[in-house]
């Protein structure tokens, strides 16, 4: 896959190097799991900490499906 470049907000979570979208998604999930941000009752819900709130456009929580769209808006074209 072609590498994508995260913007500054996303780079705070996954790093600033360009990487394939699959790797970016893996790193994002590692961050979510490491920080316990997956909702305990509804596993499809991601609760944002301060870094993720910037990526999620200020939302406190998003579904994992909405997360993909929001992350895409933080890729430098």
PDB file of N, CA and C in Angstrom:
ATOM      1  N   UNK A   1       0.829  -1.194   0.000  1.00  0.00           N
ATOM      2  CA  UNK A   1       0.000   0.000   0.000  1.00  0.00           C
ATOM      3  C   UNK A   1       0.866   1.247   0.000  1.00  0.00           C
ATOM      4  N   UNK A   2       0.317   2.284  -0.612  1.00  0.00           N
ATOM      5  CA  UNK A   2       1.011   3.558  -0.687  1.00  0.00           C
ATOM      6  C   UNK A   2       1.032   4.218   0.695  1.00  0.00           C
ATOM      7  N   UNK A   3       2.199   4.704   1.131  1.00  0.00           N
ATOM      8  CA  UNK A   3       2.268   5.356   2.442  1.00  0.00           C
ATOM      9  C   UNK A   3       1.441   6.644   2.483  1.00  0.00           C
ATOM     10  N   UNK A   4       0.864   6.918   3.648  1.00  0.00           N
ATOM     11  CA  UNK A   4       0.128   8.161   3.869  1.00  0.00           C
ATOM     12  C   UNK A   4       0.843   8.950   4.961  1.00  0.00           C
ATOM     13  N   UNK A   5       0.714  10.266   4.907  1.00  0.00           N
ATOM     14  CA  UNK A   5       1.398  11.144   5.850  1.00  0.00           C
ATOM     15  C   UNK A   5       0.401  11.709   6.860  1.00  0.00           C
ATOM     16  N   UNK A   6       0.557  11.361   8.149  1.00  0.00           N
ATOM     17  CA  UNK A   6      -0.346  11.930   9.161  1.00  0.00           C
ATOM     18  C   UNK A   6      -0.038  13.408   9.410  1.00  0.00           C
ATOM     19  N   UNK A   7      -1.083  14.201   9.702  1.00  0.00           N
ATOM     20  CA  UNK A   7      -0.848  15.593  10.075  1.00  0.00           C
ATOM     21  C   UNK A   7      -0.353  15.631  11.527  1.00  0.00           C
ATOM     22  N   UNK A   8      -0.130  16.834  12.059  1.00  0.00           N
ATOM     23  CA  UNK A   8       0.454  16.972  13.400  1.00  0.00           C
ATOM     24  C   UNK A   8      -0.415  16.347  14.493  1.00  0.00           C
ATOM     25  N   UNK A   9      -1.739  16.509  14.390  1.00  0.00           N
ATOM     26  CA  UNK A   9      -2.641  15.967  15.420  1.00  0.00           C
ATOM     27  C   UNK A   9      -2.564  14.441  15.456  1.00  0.00           C
ATOM     28  N   UNK A  10      -2.582  13.813  14.298  1.00  0.00           N
ATOM     29  CA  UNK A  10      -2.520  12.357  14.222  1.00  0.00           C
ATOM     30  C   UNK A  10      -1.105  11.855  14.522  1.00  0.00           C
ATOM     31  N   UNK A  11      -0.102  12.638  14.134  1.00  0.00           N
ATOM     32  CA  UNK A  11       1.291  12.253  14.380  1.00  0.00           C
ATOM     33  C   UNK A  11       1.592  12.152  15.876  1.00  0.00           C
ATOM     34  N   UNK A  12       0.862  12.886  16.705  1.00  0.00           N
ATOM     35  CA  UNK A  12       1.054  12.808  18.158  1.00  0.00           C
ATOM     36  C   UNK A  12       0.696  11.420  18.682  1.00  0.00           C
ATOM     37  N   UNK A  13      -0.076  10.660  17.905  1.00  0.00           N
ATOM     38  CA  UNK A  13      -0.505   9.325  18.312  1.00  0.00           C
ATOM     39  C   UNK A  13       0.282   8.227  17.603  1.00  0.00           C
ATOM     40  N   UNK A  14       0.448   8.358  16.281  1.00  0.00           N
ATOM     41  CA  UNK A  14       1.050   7.275  15.495  1.00  0.00           C
ATOM     42  C   UNK A  14       2.476   7.563  15.024  1.00  0.00           C
ATOM     43  N   UNK A  15       2.982   8.760  15.287  1.00  0.00           N
ATOM     44  CA  UNK A  15       4.317   9.122  14.821  1.00  0.00           C
ATOM     45  C   UNK A  15       4.234   9.937  13.543  1.00  0.00           C
ATOM     46  N   UNK A  16       5.325  10.621  13.205  1.00  0.00           N
ATOM     47  CA  UNK A  16       5.297  11.563  12.092  1.00  0.00           C
ATOM     48  C   UNK A  16       5.742  10.977  10.747  1.00  0.00           C
ATOM     49  N   UNK A  17       6.208   9.732  10.739  1.00  0.00           N
ATOM     50  CA  UNK A  17       6.656   9.123   9.479  1.00  0.00           C
ATOM     51  C   UNK A  17       5.467   8.731   8.606  1.00  0.00           C
ATOM     52  N   UNK A  18       5.657   8.830   7.299  1.00  0.00           N
ATOM     53  CA  UNK A  18       4.648   8.326   6.365  1.00  0.00           C
ATOM     54  C   UNK A  18       4.621   6.805   6.492  1.00  0.00           C
ATOM     55  N   UNK A  19       3.421   6.222   6.533  1.00  0.00           N
ATOM     56  CA  UNK A  19       3.299   4.779   6.669  1.00  0.00           C
ATOM     57  C   UNK A  19       2.032   4.311   5.972  1.00  0.00           C
ATOM     58  N   UNK A  20       1.999   3.030   5.577  1.00  0.00           N
ATOM     59  CA  UNK A  20       0.787   2.507   4.923  1.00  0.00           C
ATOM     60  C   UNK A  20      -0.414   2.632   5.855  1.00  0.00           C
ATOM     61  N   UNK A  21      -1.579   2.813   5.277  1.00  0.00           N
ATOM     62  CA  UNK A  21      -2.809   2.983   6.058  1.00  0.00           C
ATOM     63  C   UNK A  21      -3.032   1.811   7.028  1.00  0.00           C
ATOM     64  N   UNK A  22      -2.650   0.598   6.596  1.00  0.00           N
ATOM     65  CA  UNK A  22      -2.825  -0.569   7.468  1.00  0.00           C
ATOM     66  C   UNK A  22      -1.986  -0.424   8.733  1.00  0.00           C
ATOM     67  N   UNK A  23      -0.746   0.042   8.598  1.00  0.00           N
ATOM     68  CA  UNK A  23       0.133   0.241   9.749  1.00  0.00           C
ATOM     69  C   UNK A  23      -0.382   1.372  10.630  1.00  0.00           C
ATOM     70  N   UNK A  24      -0.882   2.423  10.010  1.00  0.00           N
ATOM     71  CA  UNK A  24      -1.434   3.543  10.755  1.00  0.00           C
ATOM     72  C   UNK A  24      -2.598   3.061  11.625  1.00  0.00           C
ATOM     73  N   UNK A  25      -3.467   2.245  11.047  1.00  0.00           N
ATOM     74  CA  UNK A  25      -4.615   1.708  11.787  1.00  0.00           C
ATOM     75  C   UNK A  25      -4.152   0.831  12.940  1.00  0.00           C
ATOM     76  N   UNK A  26      -3.137  -0.005  12.703  1.00  0.00           N
ATOM     77  CA  UNK A  26      -2.599  -0.861  13.765  1.00  0.00           C
ATOM     78  C   UNK A  26      -2.071  -0.024  14.921  1.00  0.00           C
ATOM     79  N   UNK A  27      -1.293   1.029  14.593  1.00  0.00           N
ATOM     80  CA  UNK A  27      -0.720   1.881  15.636  1.00  0.00           C
ATOM     81  C   UNK A  27      -1.815   2.609  16.412  1.00  0.00           C
ATOM     82  N   UNK A  28      -2.846   3.017  15.715  1.00  0.00           N
ATOM     83  CA  UNK A  28      -3.960   3.695  16.366  1.00  0.00           C
ATOM     84  C   UNK A  28      -4.642   2.759  17.364  1.00  0.00           C
ATOM     85  N   UNK A  29      -4.857   1.509  16.969  1.00  0.00           N
ATOM     86  CA  UNK A  29      -5.486   0.533  17.876  1.00  0.00           C
ATOM     87  C   UNK A  29      -4.585   0.179  19.044  1.00  0.00           C
ATOM     88  N   UNK A  30      -3.284   0.118  18.817  1.00  0.00           N
ATOM     89  CA  UNK A  30      -2.348  -0.130  19.926  1.00  0.00           C
ATOM     90  C   UNK A  30      -2.487   0.999  20.950  1.00  0.00           C
ATOM     91  N   UNK A  31      -2.559   2.237  20.469  1.00  0.00           N
ATOM     92  CA  UNK A  31      -2.714   3.398  21.350  1.00  0.00           C
ATOM     93  C   UNK A  31      -4.037   3.311  22.124  1.00  0.00           C
ATOM     94  N   UNK A  32      -5.109   2.984  21.429  1.00  0.00           N
ATOM     95  CA  UNK A  32      -6.440   2.894  22.048  1.00  0.00           C
ATOM     96  C   UNK A  32      -6.453   1.826  23.135  1.00  0.00           C
ATOM     97  N   UNK A  33      -5.916   0.660  22.831  1.00  0.00           N
ATOM     98  CA  UNK A  33      -5.920  -0.439  23.804  1.00  0.00           C
ATOM     99  C   UNK A  33      -4.979  -0.158  24.980  1.00  0.00           C
ATOM    100  N   UNK A  34      -3.800   0.393  24.689  1.00  0.00           N
ATOM    101  CA  UNK A  34      -2.817   0.694  25.732  1.00  0.00           C
ATOM    102  C   UNK A  34      -3.378   1.685  26.749  1.00  0.00           C
ATOM    103  N   UNK A  35      -4.174   2.633  26.266  1.00  0.00           N
ATOM    104  CA  UNK A  35      -4.724   3.669  27.135  1.00  0.00           C
ATOM    105  C   UNK A  35      -6.149   3.375  27.600  1.00  0.00           C
ATOM    106  N   UNK A  36      -6.658   2.174  27.307  1.00  0.00           N
ATOM    107  CA  UNK A  36      -7.976   1.768  27.770  1.00  0.00           C
ATOM    108  C   UNK A  36      -9.108   2.646  27.268  1.00  0.00           C
ATOM    109  N   UNK A  37      -9.047   3.039  25.996  1.00  0.00           N
ATOM    110  CA  UNK A  37     -10.027   3.976  25.451  1.00  0.00           C
ATOM    111  C   UNK A  37     -11.214   3.302  24.770  1.00  0.00           C
ATOM    112  N   UNK A  38     -11.174   1.988  24.643  1.00  0.00           N
ATOM    113  CA  UNK A  38     -12.312   1.269  24.071  1.00  0.00           C
ATOM    114  C   UNK A  38     -13.359   1.119  25.176  1.00  0.00           C
ATOM    115  N   UNK A  39     -14.594   1.503  24.887  1.00  0.00           N
ATOM    116  CA  UNK A  39     -15.661   1.460  25.887  1.00  0.00           C
ATOM    117  C   UNK A  39     -15.856   0.030  26.393  1.00  0.00           C
ATOM    118  N   UNK A  40     -15.983  -0.131  27.703  1.00  0.00           N
ATOM    119  CA  UNK A  40     -16.099  -1.456  28.303  1.00  0.00           C
ATOM    120  C   UNK A  40     -17.403  -2.157  27.931  1.00  0.00           C
ATOM    121  N   UNK A  41     -18.504  -1.422  27.859  1.00  0.00           N
ATOM    122  CA  UNK A  41     -19.801  -2.026  27.556  1.00  0.00           C
ATOM    123  C   UNK A  41     -20.041  -2.152  26.053  1.00  0.00           C
ATOM    124  N   UNK A  42     -19.721  -1.104  25.310  1.00  0.00           N
ATOM    125  CA  UNK A  42     -19.932  -1.095  23.865  1.00  0.00           C
ATOM    126  C   UNK A  42     -18.563  -1.064  23.182  1.00  0.00           C
ATOM    127  N   UNK A  43     -18.062  -2.215  22.800  1.00  0.00           N
ATOM    128  CA  UNK A  43     -16.704  -2.330  22.243  1.00  0.00           C
ATOM    129  C   UNK A  43     -16.529  -1.564  20.932  1.00  0.00           C
ATOM    130  N   UNK A  44     -17.628  -1.183  20.289  1.00  0.00           N
ATOM    131  CA  UNK A  44     -17.535  -0.413  19.044  1.00  0.00           C
ATOM    132  C   UNK A  44     -17.303   1.069  19.296  1.00  0.00           C
ATOM    133  N   UNK A  45     -17.413   1.478  20.542  1.00  0.00           N
ATOM    134  CA  UNK A  45     -17.282   2.885  20.917  1.00  0.00           C
ATOM    135  C   UNK A  45     -15.862   3.169  21.392  1.00  0.00           C
ATOM    136  N   UNK A  46     -15.272   4.248  20.884  1.00  0.00           N
ATOM    137  CA  UNK A  46     -13.938   4.680  21.298  1.00  0.00           C
ATOM    138  C   UNK A  46     -14.099   5.982  22.071  1.00  0.00           C
ATOM    139  N   UNK A  47     -13.637   5.997  23.322  1.00  0.00           N
ATOM    140  CA  UNK A  47     -13.679   7.195  24.155  1.00  0.00           C
ATOM    141  C   UNK A  47     -12.382   7.964  23.950  1.00  0.00           C
ATOM    142  N   UNK A  48     -12.495   9.249  23.672  1.00  0.00           N
ATOM    143  CA  UNK A  48     -11.321  10.059  23.333  1.00  0.00           C
ATOM    144  C   UNK A  48     -10.620  10.595  24.572  1.00  0.00           C
ATOM    145  N   UNK A  49      -9.285  10.519  24.556  1.00  0.00           N
ATOM    146  CA  UNK A  49      -8.493  11.258  25.535  1.00  0.00           C
ATOM    147  C   UNK A  49      -8.147  12.595  24.867  1.00  0.00           C
ATOM    148  N   UNK A  50      -7.278  13.393  25.460  1.00  0.00           N
ATOM    149  CA  UNK A  50      -6.981  14.717  24.903  1.00  0.00           C
ATOM    150  C   UNK A  50      -6.406  14.651  23.487  1.00  0.00           C
ATOM    151  N   UNK A  51      -5.501  13.702  23.233  1.00  0.00           N
ATOM    152  CA  UNK A  51      -4.897  13.586  21.899  1.00  0.00           C
ATOM    153  C   UNK A  51      -5.922  13.137  20.866  1.00  0.00           C
ATOM    154  N   UNK A  52      -6.728  12.144  21.206  1.00  0.00           N
ATOM    155  CA  UNK A  52      -7.723  11.644  20.253  1.00  0.00           C
ATOM    156  C   UNK A  52      -8.857  12.634  20.034  1.00  0.00           C
ATOM    157  N   UNK A  53      -9.163  13.437  21.029  1.00  0.00           N
ATOM    158  CA  UNK A  53     -10.239  14.415  20.886  1.00  0.00           C
ATOM    159  C   UNK A  53      -9.932  15.384  19.735  1.00  0.00           C
ATOM    160  N   UNK A  54      -8.664  15.720  19.556  1.00  0.00           N
ATOM    161  CA  UNK A  54      -8.260  16.591  18.444  1.00  0.00           C
ATOM    162  C   UNK A  54      -8.518  15.881  17.114  1.00  0.00           C
ATOM    163  N   UNK A  55      -8.158  14.615  17.036  1.00  0.00           N
ATOM    164  CA  UNK A  55      -8.369  13.821  15.818  1.00  0.00           C
ATOM    165  C   UNK A  55      -9.869  13.612  15.564  1.00  0.00           C
ATOM    166  N   UNK A  56     -10.644  13.476  16.631  1.00  0.00           N
ATOM    167  CA  UNK A  56     -12.089  13.239  16.519  1.00  0.00           C
ATOM    168  C   UNK A  56     -12.881  14.542  16.401  1.00  0.00           C
ATOM    169  N   UNK A  57     -12.215  15.641  16.072  1.00  0.00           N
ATOM    170  CA  UNK A  57     -12.862  16.952  15.888  1.00  0.00           C
ATOM    171  C   UNK A  57     -13.638  17.394  17.128  1.00  0.00           C
ATOM    172  N   UNK A  58     -13.070  17.146  18.306  1.00  0.00           N
ATOM    173  CA  UNK A  58     -13.658  17.607  19.553  1.00  0.00           C
ATOM    174  C   UNK A  58     -14.694  16.681  20.170  1.00  0.00           C
ATOM    175  N   UNK A  59     -15.012  15.571  19.500  1.00  0.00           N
ATOM    176  CA  UNK A  59     -16.010  14.642  20.039  1.00  0.00           C
ATOM    177  C   UNK A  59     -15.405  13.831  21.177  1.00  0.00           C
ATOM    178  N   UNK A  60     -16.216  13.572  22.211  1.00  0.00           N
ATOM    179  CA  UNK A  60     -15.748  12.800  23.366  1.00  0.00           C
ATOM    180  C   UNK A  60     -15.682  11.311  23.067  1.00  0.00           C
ATOM    181  N   UNK A  61     -16.548  10.840  22.164  1.00  0.00           N
ATOM    182  CA  UNK A  61     -16.584   9.422  21.813  1.00  0.00           C
ATOM    183  C   UNK A  61     -17.117   9.277  20.389  1.00  0.00           C
ATOM    184  N   UNK A  62     -16.581   8.279  19.681  1.00  0.00           N
ATOM    185  CA  UNK A  62     -17.055   7.977  18.323  1.00  0.00           C
ATOM    186  C   UNK A  62     -17.110   6.467  18.157  1.00  0.00           C
ATOM    187  N   UNK A  63     -17.885   6.022  17.161  1.00  0.00           N
ATOM    188  CA  UNK A  63     -17.891   4.597  16.862  1.00  0.00           C
ATOM    189  C   UNK A  63     -16.625   4.274  16.065  1.00  0.00           C
ATOM    190  N   UNK A  64     -16.236   3.015  16.068  1.00  0.00           N
ATOM    191  CA  UNK A  64     -15.016   2.643  15.335  1.00  0.00           C
ATOM    192  C   UNK A  64     -15.180   2.893  13.830  1.00  0.00           C
ATOM    193  N   UNK A  65     -16.421   2.918  13.351  1.00  0.00           N
ATOM    194  CA  UNK A  65     -16.664   3.170  11.929  1.00  0.00           C
ATOM    195  C   UNK A  65     -16.495   4.657  11.609  1.00  0.00           C
ATOM    196  N   UNK A  66     -16.973   5.533  12.494  1.00  0.00           N
ATOM    197  CA  UNK A  66     -16.784   6.973  12.315  1.00  0.00           C
ATOM    198  C   UNK A  66     -15.318   7.341  12.474  1.00  0.00           C
ATOM    199  N   UNK A  67     -14.606   6.600  13.322  1.00  0.00           N
ATOM    200  CA  UNK A  67     -13.197   6.874  13.558  1.00  0.00           C
ATOM    201  C   UNK A  67     -12.411   6.828  12.250  1.00  0.00           C
ATOM    202  N   UNK A  68     -12.710   5.876  11.384  1.00  0.00           N
ATOM    203  CA  UNK A  68     -12.001   5.744  10.104  1.00  0.00           C
ATOM    204  C   UNK A  68     -12.153   7.006   9.270  1.00  0.00           C
ATOM    205  N   UNK A  69     -13.366   7.534   9.203  1.00  0.00           N
ATOM    206  CA  UNK A  69     -13.608   8.764   8.437  1.00  0.00           C
ATOM    207  C   UNK A  69     -12.863   9.940   9.046  1.00  0.00           C
ATOM    208  N   UNK A  70     -12.914  10.047  10.368  1.00  0.00           N
ATOM    209  CA  UNK A  70     -12.258  11.169  11.035  1.00  0.00           C
ATOM    210  C   UNK A  70     -10.749  11.109  10.881  1.00  0.00           C
ATOM    211  N   UNK A  71     -10.179   9.912  10.957  1.00  0.00           N
ATOM    212  CA  UNK A  71      -8.727   9.760  10.799  1.00  0.00           C
ATOM    213  C   UNK A  71      -8.310  10.138   9.376  1.00  0.00           C
ATOM    214  N   UNK A  72      -9.122   9.777   8.394  1.00  0.00           N
ATOM    215  CA  UNK A  72      -8.819  10.090   6.988  1.00  0.00           C
ATOM    216  C   UNK A  72      -8.674  11.603   6.773  1.00  0.00           C
ATOM    217  N   UNK A  73      -9.427  12.384   7.526  1.00  0.00           N
ATOM    218  CA  UNK A  73      -9.342  13.839   7.363  1.00  0.00           C
ATOM    219  C   UNK A  73      -8.039  14.402   7.952  1.00  0.00           C
ATOM    220  N   UNK A  74      -7.276  13.572   8.647  1.00  0.00           N
ATOM    221  CA  UNK A  74      -6.008  14.011   9.234  1.00  0.00           C
ATOM    222  C   UNK A  74      -4.801  13.471   8.477  1.00  0.00           C
ATOM    223  N   UNK A  75      -5.001  13.112   7.242  1.00  0.00           N
ATOM    224  CA  UNK A  75      -3.894  12.657   6.402  1.00  0.00           C
ATOM    225  C   UNK A  75      -3.541  13.763   5.423  1.00  0.00           C
ATOM    226  N   UNK A  76      -2.254  14.082   5.341  1.00  0.00           N
ATOM    227  CA  UNK A  76      -1.777  15.143   4.447  1.00  0.00           C
ATOM    228  C   UNK A  76      -1.794  14.605   3.024  1.00  0.00           C
ATOM    229  N   UNK A  77      -2.355  15.379   2.128  1.00  0.00           N
ATOM    230  CA  UNK A  77      -2.445  14.929   0.734  1.00  0.00           C
ATOM    231  C   UNK A  77      -1.334  15.473  -0.113  1.00  0.00           C
TER     232      UNK A  77
END
